[in-house]
Amino acid sequence: MPMPVDTLHAHLADAFPDAEIEITDLAGDGDHYRARIVSSAFAGLPRVRQHQLVYAALKGKMGGELHALALETAAPAAGDA
């Protein structure tokens, strides 16, 4: 069963309450998304660690309800915070 975009957004917003989150359904099937997440939680972390935090926020849903997620993560630019 695919993951609705609002469920994906809710998981991400719960984990990163300060985040700017943009989600795009890449295939129109509720199974392949691109997520752009800008959060202060990512400040100073390497991209691999940022992505690990996102996968942890999805609580094991990757590979099950959510087949593919293209991630773009970043900390807010200085002056944006």
PDB file of N, CA and C in Angstrom:
ATOM      1  N   MET A   1       0.854  -1.187   0.000  1.00  0.00           N
ATOM      2  CA  MET A   1       0.000   0.000   0.000  1.00  0.00           C
ATOM      3  C   MET A   1       0.894   1.243   0.000  1.00  0.00           C
ATOM      4  N   PRO A   2       0.700   2.144  -0.951  1.00  0.00           N
ATOM      5  CA  PRO A   2       1.532   3.349  -1.025  1.00  0.00           C
ATOM      6  C   PRO A   2       1.327   4.277   0.175  1.00  0.00           C
ATOM      7  N   MET A   3       2.280   5.162   0.364  1.00  0.00           N
ATOM      8  CA  MET A   3       2.206   6.139   1.443  1.00  0.00           C
ATOM      9  C   MET A   3       1.667   7.455   0.881  1.00  0.00           C
ATOM     10  N   PRO A   4       0.538   7.944   1.386  1.00  0.00           N
ATOM     11  CA  PRO A   4       0.036   9.234   0.926  1.00  0.00           C
ATOM     12  C   PRO A   4       1.025  10.358   1.240  1.00  0.00           C
ATOM     13  N   VAL A   5       1.047  11.370   0.398  1.00  0.00           N
ATOM     14  CA  VAL A   5       1.994  12.472   0.574  1.00  0.00           C
ATOM     15  C   VAL A   5       1.797  13.163   1.922  1.00  0.00           C
ATOM     16  N   ASP A   6       0.551  13.264   2.397  1.00  0.00           N
ATOM     17  CA  ASP A   6       0.340  13.936   3.684  1.00  0.00           C
ATOM     18  C   ASP A   6       0.902  13.111   4.841  1.00  0.00           C
ATOM     19  N   THR A   7       0.898  11.789   4.712  1.00  0.00           N
ATOM     20  CA  THR A   7       1.502  10.938   5.749  1.00  0.00           C
ATOM     21  C   THR A   7       3.017  11.118   5.753  1.00  0.00           C
ATOM     22  N   LEU A   8       3.621  11.139   4.571  1.00  0.00           N
ATOM     23  CA  LEU A   8       5.060  11.376   4.466  1.00  0.00           C
ATOM     24  C   LEU A   8       5.412  12.730   5.060  1.00  0.00           C
ATOM     25  N   HIS A   9       4.647  13.757   4.710  1.00  0.00           N
ATOM     26  CA  HIS A   9       4.906  15.102   5.241  1.00  0.00           C
ATOM     27  C   HIS A   9       4.785  15.108   6.759  1.00  0.00           C
ATOM     28  N   ALA A  10       3.781  14.427   7.296  1.00  0.00           N
ATOM     29  CA  ALA A  10       3.581  14.386   8.747  1.00  0.00           C
ATOM     30  C   ALA A  10       4.767  13.743   9.461  1.00  0.00           C
ATOM     31  N   HIS A  11       5.290  12.646   8.930  1.00  0.00           N
ATOM     32  CA  HIS A  11       6.462  12.002   9.536  1.00  0.00           C
ATOM     33  C   HIS A  11       7.645  12.967   9.561  1.00  0.00           C
ATOM     34  N   LEU A  12       7.857  13.650   8.455  1.00  0.00           N
ATOM     35  CA  LEU A  12       8.992  14.571   8.362  1.00  0.00           C
ATOM     36  C   LEU A  12       8.799  15.792   9.259  1.00  0.00           C
ATOM     37  N   ALA A  13       7.592  16.327   9.300  1.00  0.00           N
ATOM     38  CA  ALA A  13       7.315  17.498  10.133  1.00  0.00           C
ATOM     39  C   ALA A  13       7.435  17.167  11.621  1.00  0.00           C
ATOM     40  N   ASP A  14       7.050  15.947  12.007  1.00  0.00           N
ATOM     41  CA  ASP A  14       7.198  15.523  13.397  1.00  0.00           C
ATOM     42  C   ASP A  14       8.670  15.472  13.789  1.00  0.00           C
ATOM     43  N   ALA A  15       9.497  14.954  12.890  1.00  0.00           N
ATOM     44  CA  ALA A  15      10.916  14.787  13.188  1.00  0.00           C
ATOM     45  C   ALA A  15      11.693  16.095  13.077  1.00  0.00           C
ATOM     46  N   PHE A  16      11.255  16.966  12.182  1.00  0.00           N
ATOM     47  CA  PHE A  16      11.966  18.225  11.927  1.00  0.00           C
ATOM     48  C   PHE A  16      10.968  19.376  11.987  1.00  0.00           C
ATOM     49  N   PRO A  17      10.534  19.749  13.219  1.00  0.00           N
ATOM     50  CA  PRO A  17       9.450  20.730  13.352  1.00  0.00           C
ATOM     51  C   PRO A  17       9.777  22.109  12.772  1.00  0.00           C
ATOM     52  N   ASP A  18      11.054  22.450  12.686  1.00  0.00           N
ATOM     53  CA  ASP A  18      11.427  23.764  12.158  1.00  0.00           C
ATOM     54  C   ASP A  18      11.620  23.756  10.646  1.00  0.00           C
ATOM     55  N   ALA A  19      11.435  22.604  10.020  1.00  0.00           N
ATOM     56  CA  ALA A  19      11.856  22.413   8.626  1.00  0.00           C
ATOM     57  C   ALA A  19      10.925  23.065   7.613  1.00  0.00           C
ATOM     58  N   GLU A  20      11.549  23.456   6.524  1.00  0.00           N
ATOM     59  CA  GLU A  20      10.840  23.786   5.294  1.00  0.00           C
ATOM     60  C   GLU A  20      10.851  22.495   4.483  1.00  0.00           C
ATOM     61  N   ILE A  21       9.679  21.963   4.153  1.00  0.00           N
ATOM     62  CA  ILE A  21       9.575  20.661   3.500  1.00  0.00           C
ATOM     63  C   ILE A  21       8.795  20.807   2.194  1.00  0.00           C
ATOM     64  N   GLU A  22       9.396  20.340   1.117  1.00  0.00           N
ATOM     65  CA  GLU A  22       8.714  20.296  -0.180  1.00  0.00           C
ATOM     66  C   GLU A  22       8.747  18.847  -0.655  1.00  0.00           C
ATOM     67  N   ILE A  23       7.593  18.306  -1.017  1.00  0.00           N
ATOM     68  CA  ILE A  23       7.516  16.922  -1.481  1.00  0.00           C
ATOM     69  C   ILE A  23       6.891  16.898  -2.876  1.00  0.00           C
ATOM     70  N   THR A  24       7.520  16.149  -3.766  1.00  0.00           N
ATOM     71  CA  THR A  24       7.024  15.973  -5.130  1.00  0.00           C
ATOM     72  C   THR A  24       6.789  14.488  -5.370  1.00  0.00           C
ATOM     73  N   ASP A  25       5.602  14.147  -5.867  1.00  0.00           N
ATOM     74  CA  ASP A  25       5.306  12.766  -6.257  1.00  0.00           C
ATOM     75  C   ASP A  25       5.853  12.584  -7.670  1.00  0.00           C
ATOM     76  N   LEU A  26       6.918  11.809  -7.801  1.00  0.00           N
ATOM     77  CA  LEU A  26       7.637  11.705  -9.066  1.00  0.00           C
ATOM     78  C   LEU A  26       6.912  10.877 -10.120  1.00  0.00           C
ATOM     79  N   ALA A  27       6.142   9.888  -9.699  1.00  0.00           N
ATOM     80  CA  ALA A  27       5.524   8.980 -10.661  1.00  0.00           C
ATOM     81  C   ALA A  27       3.996   9.007 -10.618  1.00  0.00           C
ATOM     82  N   GLY A  28       3.431   9.771  -9.693  1.00  0.00           N
ATOM     83  CA  GLY A  28       1.976   9.820  -9.570  1.00  0.00           C
ATOM     84  C   GLY A  28       1.377   8.575  -8.942  1.00  0.00           C
ATOM     85  N   ASP A  29       2.226   7.746  -8.340  1.00  0.00           N
ATOM     86  CA  ASP A  29       1.747   6.482  -7.782  1.00  0.00           C
ATOM     87  C   ASP A  29       1.798   6.419  -6.264  1.00  0.00           C
ATOM     88  N   GLY A  30       2.197   7.528  -5.607  1.00  0.00           N
ATOM     89  CA  GLY A  30       2.278   7.523  -4.150  1.00  0.00           C
ATOM     90  C   GLY A  30       3.378   6.645  -3.619  1.00  0.00           C
ATOM     91  N   ASP A  31       4.326   6.294  -4.475  1.00  0.00           N
ATOM     92  CA  ASP A  31       5.373   5.349  -4.106  1.00  0.00           C
ATOM     93  C   ASP A  31       6.775   5.877  -4.378  1.00  0.00           C
ATOM     94  N   HIS A  32       6.877   6.921  -5.184  1.00  0.00           N
ATOM     95  CA  HIS A  32       8.171   7.482  -5.579  1.00  0.00           C
ATOM     96  C   HIS A  32       8.117   8.995  -5.379  1.00  0.00           C
ATOM     97  N   TYR A  33       8.843   9.475  -4.374  1.00  0.00           N
ATOM     98  CA  TYR A  33       8.809  10.888  -4.029  1.00  0.00           C
ATOM     99  C   TYR A  33      10.198  11.512  -4.074  1.00  0.00           C
ATOM    100  N   ARG A  34      10.201  12.823  -4.226  1.00  0.00           N
ATOM    101  CA  ARG A  34      11.395  13.629  -3.966  1.00  0.00           C
ATOM    102  C   ARG A  34      11.025  14.536  -2.804  1.00  0.00           C
ATOM    103  N   ALA A  35      11.912  14.617  -1.827  1.00  0.00           N
ATOM    104  CA  ALA A  35      11.688  15.499  -0.680  1.00  0.00           C
ATOM    105  C   ALA A  35      12.874  16.444  -0.532  1.00  0.00           C
ATOM    106  N   ARG A  36      12.553  17.720  -0.401  1.00  0.00           N
ATOM    107  CA  ARG A  36      13.561  18.741  -0.096  1.00  0.00           C
ATOM    108  C   ARG A  36      13.267  19.208   1.317  1.00  0.00           C
ATOM    109  N   ILE A  37      14.242  19.035   2.207  1.00  0.00           N
ATOM    110  CA  ILE A  37      14.052  19.347   3.622  1.00  0.00           C
ATOM    111  C   ILE A  37      15.172  20.286   4.056  1.00  0.00           C
ATOM    112  N   VAL A  38      14.795  21.462   4.523  1.00  0.00           N
ATOM    113  CA  VAL A  38      15.765  22.419   5.047  1.00  0.00           C
ATOM    114  C   VAL A  38      15.473  22.563   6.537  1.00  0.00           C
ATOM    115  N   SER A  39      16.429  22.130   7.362  1.00  0.00           N
ATOM    116  CA  SER A  39      16.223  22.121   8.808  1.00  0.00           C
ATOM    117  C   SER A  39      17.520  22.438   9.534  1.00  0.00           C
ATOM    118  N   SER A  40      17.400  23.154  10.625  1.00  0.00           N
ATOM    119  CA  SER A  40      18.583  23.444  11.447  1.00  0.00           C
ATOM    120  C   SER A  40      19.161  22.157  12.047  1.00  0.00           C
ATOM    121  N   ALA A  41      18.375  21.076  12.087  1.00  0.00           N
ATOM    122  CA  ALA A  41      18.873  19.787  12.591  1.00  0.00           C
ATOM    123  C   ALA A  41      20.034  19.267  11.762  1.00  0.00           C
ATOM    124  N   PHE A  42      20.147  19.746  10.514  1.00  0.00           N
ATOM    125  CA  PHE A  42      21.196  19.269   9.617  1.00  0.00           C
ATOM    126  C   PHE A  42      22.482  20.090   9.697  1.00  0.00           C
ATOM    127  N   ALA A  43      22.470  21.163  10.461  1.00  0.00           N
ATOM    128  CA  ALA A  43      23.631  22.060  10.522  1.00  0.00           C
ATOM    129  C   ALA A  43      24.876  21.301  10.967  1.00  0.00           C
ATOM    130  N   GLY A  44      25.938  21.425  10.178  1.00  0.00           N
ATOM    131  CA  GLY A  44      27.224  20.831  10.520  1.00  0.00           C
ATOM    132  C   GLY A  44      27.324  19.338  10.285  1.00  0.00           C
ATOM    133  N   LEU A  45      26.266  18.715   9.782  1.00  0.00           N
ATOM    134  CA  LEU A  45      26.294  17.264   9.569  1.00  0.00           C
ATOM    135  C   LEU A  45      26.619  16.951   8.112  1.00  0.00           C
ATOM    136  N   PRO A  46      27.369  15.870   7.881  1.00  0.00           N
ATOM    137  CA  PRO A  46      27.588  15.451   6.489  1.00  0.00           C
ATOM    138  C   PRO A  46      26.275  14.964   5.883  1.00  0.00           C
ATOM    139  N   ARG A  47      26.189  15.025   4.581  1.00  0.00           N
ATOM    140  CA  ARG A  47      24.947  14.667   3.873  1.00  0.00           C
ATOM    141  C   ARG A  47      24.488  13.247   4.218  1.00  0.00           C
ATOM    142  N   VAL A  48      25.417  12.309   4.351  1.00  0.00           N
ATOM    143  CA  VAL A  48      25.031  10.930   4.692  1.00  0.00           C
ATOM    144  C   VAL A  48      24.297  10.902   6.029  1.00  0.00           C
ATOM    145  N   ARG A  49      24.797  11.633   7.008  1.00  0.00           N
ATOM    146  CA  ARG A  49      24.147  11.657   8.328  1.00  0.00           C
ATOM    147  C   ARG A  49      22.789  12.349   8.248  1.00  0.00           C
ATOM    148  N   GLN A  50      22.690  13.408   7.443  1.00  0.00           N
ATOM    149  CA  GLN A  50      21.403  14.095   7.261  1.00  0.00           C
ATOM    150  C   GLN A  50      20.365  13.113   6.722  1.00  0.00           C
ATOM    151  N   HIS A  51      20.764  12.327   5.724  1.00  0.00           N
ATOM    152  CA  HIS A  51      19.839  11.372   5.124  1.00  0.00           C
ATOM    153  C   HIS A  51      19.482  10.261   6.109  1.00  0.00           C
ATOM    154  N   GLN A  52      20.428   9.851   6.939  1.00  0.00           N
ATOM    155  CA  GLN A  52      20.138   8.841   7.964  1.00  0.00           C
ATOM    156  C   GLN A  52      19.070   9.353   8.929  1.00  0.00           C
ATOM    157  N   LEU A  53      19.135  10.631   9.279  1.00  0.00           N
ATOM    158  CA  LEU A  53      18.124  11.211  10.170  1.00  0.00           C
ATOM    159  C   LEU A  53      16.743  11.180   9.518  1.00  0.00           C
ATOM    160  N   VAL A  54      16.691  11.444   8.225  1.00  0.00           N
ATOM    161  CA  VAL A  54      15.412  11.401   7.513  1.00  0.00           C
ATOM    162  C   VAL A  54      14.868   9.978   7.492  1.00  0.00           C
ATOM    163  N   TYR A  55      15.716   9.004   7.158  1.00  0.00           N
ATOM    164  CA  TYR A  55      15.262   7.611   7.131  1.00  0.00           C
ATOM    165  C   TYR A  55      14.785   7.169   8.511  1.00  0.00           C
ATOM    166  N   ALA A  56      15.465   7.598   9.566  1.00  0.00           N
ATOM    167  CA  ALA A  56      15.041   7.262  10.932  1.00  0.00           C
ATOM    168  C   ALA A  56      13.665   7.860  11.217  1.00  0.00           C
ATOM    169  N   ALA A  57      13.414   9.064  10.714  1.00  0.00           N
ATOM    170  CA  ALA A  57      12.125   9.723  10.928  1.00  0.00           C
ATOM    171  C   ALA A  57      10.979   8.955  10.256  1.00  0.00           C
ATOM    172  N   LEU A  58      11.303   8.183   9.230  1.00  0.00           N
ATOM    173  CA  LEU A  58      10.277   7.433   8.512  1.00  0.00           C
ATOM    174  C   LEU A  58       9.938   6.111   9.184  1.00  0.00           C
ATOM    175  N   LYS A  59      10.603   5.817  10.279  1.00  0.00           N
ATOM    176  CA  LYS A  59      10.252   4.695  11.151  1.00  0.00           C
ATOM    177  C   LYS A  59      10.068   3.375  10.405  1.00  0.00           C
ATOM    178  N   GLY A  60      11.039   3.048   9.567  1.00  0.00           N
ATOM    179  CA  GLY A  60      11.010   1.761   8.904  1.00  0.00           C
ATOM    180  C   GLY A  60      10.079   1.661   7.709  1.00  0.00           C
ATOM    181  N   LYS A  61       9.517   2.772   7.257  1.00  0.00           N
ATOM    182  CA  LYS A  61       8.573   2.739   6.133  1.00  0.00           C
ATOM    183  C   LYS A  61       9.277   2.627   4.780  1.00  0.00           C
ATOM    184  N   MET A  62      10.567   2.988   4.707  1.00  0.00           N
ATOM    185  CA  MET A  62      11.299   2.886   3.438  1.00  0.00           C
ATOM    186  C   MET A  62      11.368   1.425   3.019  1.00  0.00           C
ATOM    187  N   GLY A  63      11.118   1.169   1.737  1.00  0.00           N
ATOM    188  CA  GLY A  63      11.162  -0.190   1.225  1.00  0.00           C
ATOM    189  C   GLY A  63       9.850  -0.932   1.406  1.00  0.00           C
ATOM    190  N   GLY A  64       8.970  -0.391   2.244  1.00  0.00           N
ATOM    191  CA  GLY A  64       7.660  -0.995   2.432  1.00  0.00           C
ATOM    192  C   GLY A  64       6.606  -0.105   1.800  1.00  0.00           C
ATOM    193  N   GLU A  65       5.997   0.755   2.636  1.00  0.00           N
ATOM    194  CA  GLU A  65       4.982   1.681   2.130  1.00  0.00           C
ATOM    195  C   GLU A  65       5.589   2.708   1.175  1.00  0.00           C
ATOM    196  N   LEU A  66       6.858   2.989   1.373  1.00  0.00           N
ATOM    197  CA  LEU A  66       7.537   4.000   0.565  1.00  0.00           C
ATOM    198  C   LEU A  66       8.668   3.320  -0.189  1.00  0.00           C
ATOM    199  N   HIS A  67       8.517   3.235  -1.511  1.00  0.00           N
ATOM    200  CA  HIS A  67       9.475   2.492  -2.322  1.00  0.00           C
ATOM    201  C   HIS A  67      10.727   3.303  -2.620  1.00  0.00           C
ATOM    202  N   ALA A  68      10.561   4.559  -2.997  1.00  0.00           N
ATOM    203  CA  ALA A  68      11.707   5.370  -3.405  1.00  0.00           C
ATOM    204  C   ALA A  68      11.544   6.798  -2.910  1.00  0.00           C
ATOM    205  N   LEU A  69      12.625   7.337  -2.383  1.00  0.00           N
ATOM    206  CA  LEU A  69      12.630   8.713  -1.895  1.00  0.00           C
ATOM    207  C   LEU A  69      13.944   9.367  -2.283  1.00  0.00           C
ATOM    208  N   ALA A  70      13.873  10.308  -3.190  1.00  0.00           N
ATOM    209  CA  ALA A  70      15.052  11.097  -3.563  1.00  0.00           C
ATOM    210  C   ALA A  70      15.133  12.248  -2.571  1.00  0.00           C
ATOM    211  N   LEU A  71      16.264  12.362  -1.907  1.00  0.00           N
ATOM    212  CA  LEU A  71      16.398  13.363  -0.847  1.00  0.00           C
ATOM    213  C   LEU A  71      17.310  14.509  -1.238  1.00  0.00           C
ATOM    214  N   GLU A  72      16.893  15.697  -0.854  1.00  0.00           N
ATOM    215  CA  GLU A  72      17.752  16.872  -0.880  1.00  0.00           C
ATOM    216  C   GLU A  72      17.621  17.485   0.502  1.00  0.00           C
ATOM    217  N   THR A  73      18.720  17.473   1.256  1.00  0.00           N
ATOM    218  CA  THR A  73      18.683  18.008   2.615  1.00  0.00           C
ATOM    219  C   THR A  73      19.683  19.137   2.737  1.00  0.00           C
ATOM    220  N   ALA A  74      19.380  20.089   3.615  1.00  0.00           N
ATOM    221  CA  ALA A  74      20.270  21.215   3.842  1.00  0.00           C
ATOM    222  C   ALA A  74      19.918  21.895   5.149  1.00  0.00           C
ATOM    223  N   ALA A  75      20.893  22.583   5.709  1.00  0.00           N
ATOM    224  CA  ALA A  75      20.648  23.461   6.844  1.00  0.00           C
ATOM    225  C   ALA A  75      20.291  24.828   6.269  1.00  0.00           C
ATOM    226  N   PRO A  76      19.524  25.632   7.014  1.00  0.00           N
ATOM    227  CA  PRO A  76      19.219  26.969   6.526  1.00  0.00           C
ATOM    228  C   PRO A  76      20.511  27.761   6.313  1.00  0.00           C
ATOM    229  N   ALA A  77      20.518  28.602   5.304  1.00  0.00           N
ATOM    230  CA  ALA A  77      21.673  29.458   5.062  1.00  0.00           C
ATOM    231  C   ALA A  77      21.799  30.461   6.193  1.00  0.00           C
ATOM    232  N   ALA A  78      23.012  30.863   6.488  1.00  0.00           N
ATOM    233  CA  ALA A  78      23.218  31.879   7.520  1.00  0.00           C
ATOM    234  C   ALA A  78      22.381  33.099   7.162  1.00  0.00           C
ATOM    235  N   GLY A  79      21.640  33.589   8.147  1.00  0.00           N
ATOM    236  CA  GLY A  79      20.789  34.736   7.903  1.00  0.00           C
ATOM    237  C   GLY A  79      19.350  34.333   7.621  1.00  0.00           C
ATOM    238  N   ASP A  80      19.114  33.056   7.297  1.00  0.00           N
ATOM    239  CA  ASP A  80      17.752  32.574   7.060  1.00  0.00           C
ATOM    240  C   ASP A  80      17.094  32.136   8.356  1.00  0.00           C
ATOM    241  N   ALA A  81      17.891  31.834   9.349  1.00  0.00           N
ATOM    242  CA  ALA A  81      17.356  31.274  10.589  1.00  0.00           C
ATOM    243  C   ALA A  81      16.645  32.316  11.408  1.00  0.00           C
TER     244      ALA A  81
END
